[in-house]
Amino acid sequence: MAQQRPCLLLELPPELRNRIFESVLVSQDEELILENQPSPALLRTCRQIRDEASSLYYAQPFLLTNAEKLCIPWLASVPPKMRNRIKTIRMYTKCCLSGRAAAKYKAGLQYDLYRIMHRRRLGMGITLEVFLELDRKSSPIWTADPMKQTTGEDHIPDWLGHGSQLR
């Protein structure tokens, strides 16, 4: 069996390692966009690097572009110890045309938000920012009831009022 070589990165002073970790892991944009990707390879190299660098990576705001499909699976993929370091998750979602469309395309989002709120109450400490993209051709709606009639824009502030509990 081949002997493992020592990691030369760990021989650098901690201040220099932190600058390297910041250059590699922290997004230069306002937020880090996640699209079905695992944690960065650097965080998977060894325990010491993961412990030192994960605080920098998970402290930045995350943007989930495919929120309905990614939110809970992505959070589940983050190790529990690292989840506590996440400060902000931003999600963008489209309003649905009708209750049936909500059931077809967005059925899991309300449940995902509930699960995130539940984890927040358990001390996870994540700020969740949800942004609704309004479809100009339709009346926006959010409902968990697939048989509910389409409602107008006046109900969105009610739903957003419930979303303020997430912070």
C-alpha atoms as a PDB file:
ATOM      1  CA  MET A   1       0.000   0.000   0.000  1.00  0.00           C
ATOM      2  CA  ALA A   2       1.384   3.416  -0.959  1.00  0.00           C
ATOM      3  CA  GLN A   3       2.181   5.792   1.856  1.00  0.00           C
ATOM      4  CA  GLN A   4       0.155   9.011   1.867  1.00  0.00           C
ATOM      5  CA  ARG A   5       2.199  12.168   1.323  1.00  0.00           C
ATOM      6  CA  PRO A   6       1.817  15.034   3.813  1.00  0.00           C
ATOM      7  CA  CYS A   7      -0.300  17.987   2.721  1.00  0.00           C
ATOM      8  CA  LEU A   8       2.022  20.906   1.992  1.00  0.00           C
ATOM      9  CA  LEU A   9      -0.854  23.372   2.343  1.00  0.00           C
ATOM     10  CA  LEU A  10      -1.076  22.526   6.051  1.00  0.00           C
ATOM     11  CA  GLU A  11       2.571  23.480   6.509  1.00  0.00           C
ATOM     12  CA  LEU A  12       1.779  27.112   5.620  1.00  0.00           C
ATOM     13  CA  PRO A  13       1.020  29.579   8.440  1.00  0.00           C
ATOM     14  CA  PRO A  14      -2.727  29.696   9.365  1.00  0.00           C
ATOM     15  CA  GLU A  15      -3.074  33.318   8.205  1.00  0.00           C
ATOM     16  CA  LEU A  16      -1.848  32.427   4.721  1.00  0.00           C
ATOM     17  CA  ARG A  17      -4.047  29.304   4.584  1.00  0.00           C
ATOM     18  CA  ASN A  18      -7.085  31.422   5.478  1.00  0.00           C
ATOM     19  CA  ARG A  19      -6.313  33.841   2.635  1.00  0.00           C
ATOM     20  CA  ILE A  20      -6.048  30.901   0.233  1.00  0.00           C
ATOM     21  CA  PHE A  21      -9.315  29.408   1.512  1.00  0.00           C
ATOM     22  CA  GLU A  22     -11.047  32.765   1.124  1.00  0.00           C
ATOM     23  CA  SER A  23      -9.775  33.179  -2.451  1.00  0.00           C
ATOM     24  CA  VAL A  24     -10.922  29.693  -3.419  1.00  0.00           C
ATOM     25  CA  LEU A  25     -14.200  29.325  -1.508  1.00  0.00           C
ATOM     26  CA  VAL A  26     -15.802  32.746  -1.086  1.00  0.00           C
ATOM     27  CA  SER A  27     -17.792  34.059  -4.038  1.00  0.00           C
ATOM     28  CA  GLN A  28     -16.779  37.456  -5.402  1.00  0.00           C
ATOM     29  CA  ASP A  29     -20.457  38.101  -6.138  1.00  0.00           C
ATOM     30  CA  GLU A  30     -23.054  39.066  -3.560  1.00  0.00           C
ATOM     31  CA  GLU A  31     -24.064  35.424  -3.124  1.00  0.00           C
ATOM     32  CA  LEU A  32     -22.941  31.931  -4.071  1.00  0.00           C
ATOM     33  CA  ILE A  33     -25.221  30.297  -6.637  1.00  0.00           C
ATOM     34  CA  LEU A  34     -25.949  26.623  -6.023  1.00  0.00           C
ATOM     35  CA  GLU A  35     -27.088  24.402  -8.857  1.00  0.00           C
ATOM     36  CA  ASN A  36     -27.090  20.769  -7.778  1.00  0.00           C
ATOM     37  CA  GLN A  37     -23.436  20.701  -6.792  1.00  0.00           C
ATOM     38  CA  PRO A  38     -21.773  19.019  -3.825  1.00  0.00           C
ATOM     39  CA  SER A  39     -19.586  20.857  -1.362  1.00  0.00           C
ATOM     40  CA  PRO A  40     -16.318  22.157  -2.846  1.00  0.00           C
ATOM     41  CA  ALA A  41     -13.597  19.572  -3.373  1.00  0.00           C
ATOM     42  CA  LEU A  42     -11.254  21.511  -1.095  1.00  0.00           C
ATOM     43  CA  LEU A  43     -13.590  20.877   1.850  1.00  0.00           C
ATOM     44  CA  ARG A  44     -13.461  17.148   1.121  1.00  0.00           C
ATOM     45  CA  THR A  45      -9.673  16.761   1.144  1.00  0.00           C
ATOM     46  CA  CYS A  46      -9.028  16.255   4.852  1.00  0.00           C
ATOM     47  CA  ARG A  47     -10.599  16.915   8.233  1.00  0.00           C
ATOM     48  CA  GLN A  48      -8.285  19.782   9.208  1.00  0.00           C
ATOM     49  CA  ILE A  49      -8.875  21.726   5.982  1.00  0.00           C
ATOM     50  CA  ARG A  50     -12.633  21.105   6.240  1.00  0.00           C
ATOM     51  CA  ASP A  51     -12.677  22.384   9.838  1.00  0.00           C
ATOM     52  CA  GLU A  52     -10.614  25.469   9.019  1.00  0.00           C
ATOM     53  CA  ALA A  53     -12.223  26.430   5.697  1.00  0.00           C
ATOM     54  CA  SER A  54     -15.889  25.515   6.129  1.00  0.00           C
ATOM     55  CA  SER A  55     -16.632  28.576   8.271  1.00  0.00           C
ATOM     56  CA  LEU A  56     -15.642  30.842   5.385  1.00  0.00           C
ATOM     57  CA  TYR A  57     -17.616  28.859   2.818  1.00  0.00           C
ATOM     58  CA  TYR A  58     -20.873  28.396   4.743  1.00  0.00           C
ATOM     59  CA  ALA A  59     -20.967  31.941   6.185  1.00  0.00           C
ATOM     60  CA  GLN A  60     -21.615  33.532   2.767  1.00  0.00           C
ATOM     61  CA  PRO A  61     -25.178  33.976   1.426  1.00  0.00           C
ATOM     62  CA  PHE A  62     -26.371  31.097  -0.774  1.00  0.00           C
ATOM     63  CA  LEU A  63     -28.756  31.465  -3.706  1.00  0.00           C
ATOM     64  CA  LEU A  64     -30.811  28.433  -4.706  1.00  0.00           C
ATOM     65  CA  THR A  65     -31.854  28.925  -8.316  1.00  0.00           C
ATOM     66  CA  ASN A  66     -33.968  25.776  -8.506  1.00  0.00           C
ATOM     67  CA  ALA A  67     -35.404  26.159  -5.025  1.00  0.00           C
ATOM     68  CA  GLU A  68     -38.246  23.672  -5.273  1.00  0.00           C
ATOM     69  CA  LYS A  69     -35.918  20.796  -6.096  1.00  0.00           C
ATOM     70  CA  LEU A  70     -32.717  21.824  -4.316  1.00  0.00           C
ATOM     71  CA  CYS A  71     -33.539  23.386  -0.969  1.00  0.00           C
ATOM     72  CA  ILE A  72     -34.018  20.390   1.311  1.00  0.00           C
ATOM     73  CA  PRO A  73     -31.718  17.977  -0.589  1.00  0.00           C
ATOM     74  CA  TRP A  74     -28.938  20.573  -0.481  1.00  0.00           C
ATOM     75  CA  LEU A  75     -29.445  21.253   3.229  1.00  0.00           C
ATOM     76  CA  ALA A  76     -29.522  17.504   3.880  1.00  0.00           C
ATOM     77  CA  SER A  77     -26.183  17.123   2.074  1.00  0.00           C
ATOM     78  CA  VAL A  78     -24.507  19.709   4.311  1.00  0.00           C
ATOM     79  CA  PRO A  79     -22.970  18.012   7.358  1.00  0.00           C
ATOM     80  CA  PRO A  80     -24.912  18.908  10.552  1.00  0.00           C
ATOM     81  CA  LYS A  81     -21.890  20.609  12.110  1.00  0.00           C
ATOM     82  CA  MET A  82     -21.546  22.825   9.027  1.00  0.00           C
ATOM     83  CA  ARG A  83     -25.292  23.636   8.821  1.00  0.00           C
ATOM     84  CA  ASN A  84     -24.924  25.761  11.942  1.00  0.00           C
ATOM     85  CA  ARG A  85     -22.530  28.025  10.038  1.00  0.00           C
ATOM     86  CA  ILE A  86     -25.035  28.864   7.279  1.00  0.00           C
ATOM     87  CA  LYS A  87     -26.367  32.378   7.773  1.00  0.00           C
ATOM     88  CA  THR A  88     -28.528  33.176   4.706  1.00  0.00           C
ATOM     89  CA  ILE A  89     -30.286  31.202   1.977  1.00  0.00           C
ATOM     90  CA  ARG A  90     -32.007  33.089  -0.842  1.00  0.00           C
ATOM     91  CA  MET A  91     -34.562  31.323  -2.998  1.00  0.00           C
ATOM     92  CA  TYR A  92     -36.304  32.530  -6.136  1.00  0.00           C
ATOM     93  CA  THR A  93     -39.565  30.890  -7.125  1.00  0.00           C
ATOM     94  CA  LYS A  94     -42.294  31.608  -9.644  1.00  0.00           C
ATOM     95  CA  CYS A  95     -45.897  32.160  -8.668  1.00  0.00           C
ATOM     96  CA  CYS A  96     -48.233  29.571 -10.107  1.00  0.00           C
ATOM     97  CA  LEU A  97     -51.089  30.046 -12.513  1.00  0.00           C
ATOM     98  CA  SER A  98     -53.638  28.090 -10.491  1.00  0.00           C
ATOM     99  CA  GLY A  99     -54.031  25.640  -7.668  1.00  0.00           C
ATOM    100  CA  ARG A 100     -53.554  22.788 -10.107  1.00  0.00           C
ATOM    101  CA  ALA A 101     -50.315  24.341 -11.357  1.00  0.00           C
ATOM    102  CA  ALA A 102     -49.222  24.812  -7.763  1.00  0.00           C
ATOM    103  CA  ALA A 103     -49.802  21.124  -7.122  1.00  0.00           C
ATOM    104  CA  LYS A 104     -47.970  20.134 -10.277  1.00  0.00           C
ATOM    105  CA  TYR A 105     -44.938  22.419 -10.075  1.00  0.00           C
ATOM    106  CA  LYS A 106     -44.600  23.744  -6.543  1.00  0.00           C
ATOM    107  CA  ALA A 107     -46.195  21.108  -4.342  1.00  0.00           C
ATOM    108  CA  GLY A 108     -43.067  20.503  -2.318  1.00  0.00           C
ATOM    109  CA  LEU A 109     -42.054  24.115  -1.682  1.00  0.00           C
ATOM    110  CA  GLN A 110     -44.463  24.797   1.168  1.00  0.00           C
ATOM    111  CA  TYR A 111     -43.433  21.563   2.871  1.00  0.00           C
ATOM    112  CA  ASP A 112     -39.754  22.419   2.339  1.00  0.00           C
ATOM    113  CA  LEU A 113     -40.297  25.857   3.893  1.00  0.00           C
ATOM    114  CA  TYR A 114     -42.080  24.242   6.843  1.00  0.00           C
ATOM    115  CA  ARG A 115     -39.170  21.865   7.375  1.00  0.00           C
ATOM    116  CA  ILE A 116     -36.708  24.760   7.228  1.00  0.00           C
ATOM    117  CA  MET A 117     -38.795  26.728   9.749  1.00  0.00           C
ATOM    118  CA  HIS A 118     -38.838  23.666  12.001  1.00  0.00           C
ATOM    119  CA  ARG A 119     -35.053  23.416  11.803  1.00  0.00           C
ATOM    120  CA  ARG A 120     -34.812  27.136  12.526  1.00  0.00           C
ATOM    121  CA  ARG A 121     -36.734  26.595  15.751  1.00  0.00           C
ATOM    122  CA  LEU A 122     -34.223  23.896  16.621  1.00  0.00           C
ATOM    123  CA  GLY A 123     -31.467  26.514  16.578  1.00  0.00           C
ATOM    124  CA  MET A 124     -30.225  26.288  13.022  1.00  0.00           C
ATOM    125  CA  GLY A 125     -30.194  30.091  12.789  1.00  0.00           C
ATOM    126  CA  ILE A 126     -30.651  30.444   9.017  1.00  0.00           C
ATOM    127  CA  THR A 127     -32.267  33.526   7.515  1.00  0.00           C
ATOM    128  CA  LEU A 128     -34.426  32.401   4.617  1.00  0.00           C
ATOM    129  CA  GLU A 129     -35.249  35.022   1.993  1.00  0.00           C
ATOM    130  CA  VAL A 130     -37.915  33.981  -0.521  1.00  0.00           C
ATOM    131  CA  PHE A 131     -38.418  36.070  -3.654  1.00  0.00           C
ATOM    132  CA  LEU A 132     -41.507  35.532  -5.795  1.00  0.00           C
ATOM    133  CA  GLU A 133     -41.216  36.048  -9.548  1.00  0.00           C
ATOM    134  CA  LEU A 134     -44.590  37.159 -10.876  1.00  0.00           C
ATOM    135  CA  ASP A 135     -45.738  35.775 -14.203  1.00  0.00           C
ATOM    136  CA  ARG A 136     -47.268  38.695 -16.130  1.00  0.00           C
ATOM    137  CA  LYS A 137     -49.647  36.417 -18.034  1.00  0.00           C
ATOM    138  CA  SER A 138     -51.387  35.043 -14.980  1.00  0.00           C
ATOM    139  CA  SER A 139     -52.708  35.674 -11.531  1.00  0.00           C
ATOM    140  CA  PRO A 140     -50.021  34.674  -9.034  1.00  0.00           C
ATOM    141  CA  ILE A 141     -51.010  32.180  -6.372  1.00  0.00           C
ATOM    142  CA  TRP A 142     -49.560  29.982  -3.709  1.00  0.00           C
ATOM    143  CA  THR A 143     -51.623  27.156  -2.326  1.00  0.00           C
ATOM    144  CA  ALA A 144     -51.083  23.669  -1.023  1.00  0.00           C
ATOM    145  CA  ASP A 145     -54.628  22.731  -2.117  1.00  0.00           C
ATOM    146  CA  PRO A 146     -54.560  21.565  -5.763  1.00  0.00           C
ATOM    147  CA  MET A 147     -58.333  22.013  -6.126  1.00  0.00           C
ATOM    148  CA  LYS A 148     -58.423  25.609  -4.897  1.00  0.00           C
ATOM    149  CA  GLN A 149     -59.568  28.238  -7.380  1.00  0.00           C
ATOM    150  CA  THR A 150     -57.083  30.735  -8.793  1.00  0.00           C
ATOM    151  CA  THR A 151     -56.841  33.836  -6.632  1.00  0.00           C
ATOM    152  CA  GLY A 152     -55.519  37.293  -7.355  1.00  0.00           C
ATOM    153  CA  GLU A 153     -52.374  39.107  -6.305  1.00  0.00           C
ATOM    154  CA  ASP A 154     -54.041  40.429  -3.143  1.00  0.00           C
ATOM    155  CA  HIS A 155     -53.350  37.101  -1.384  1.00  0.00           C
ATOM    156  CA  ILE A 156     -49.587  37.165  -1.936  1.00  0.00           C
ATOM    157  CA  PRO A 157     -48.972  39.661   0.906  1.00  0.00           C
ATOM    158  CA  ASP A 158     -50.823  37.248   3.226  1.00  0.00           C
ATOM    159  CA  TRP A 159     -48.467  34.466   2.249  1.00  0.00           C
ATOM    160  CA  LEU A 160     -45.446  36.762   2.560  1.00  0.00           C
ATOM    161  CA  GLY A 161     -46.654  37.733   6.025  1.00  0.00           C
ATOM    162  CA  HIS A 162     -46.341  34.098   7.020  1.00  0.00           C
ATOM    163  CA  GLY A 163     -42.890  34.055   5.414  1.00  0.00           C
ATOM    164  CA  SER A 164     -41.724  36.772   7.788  1.00  0.00           C
ATOM    165  CA  GLN A 165     -41.822  34.128  10.532  1.00  0.00           C
ATOM    166  CA  LEU A 166     -38.860  32.482   8.850  1.00  0.00           C
ATOM    167  CA  ARG A 167     -36.406  35.167   9.919  1.00  0.00           C
END
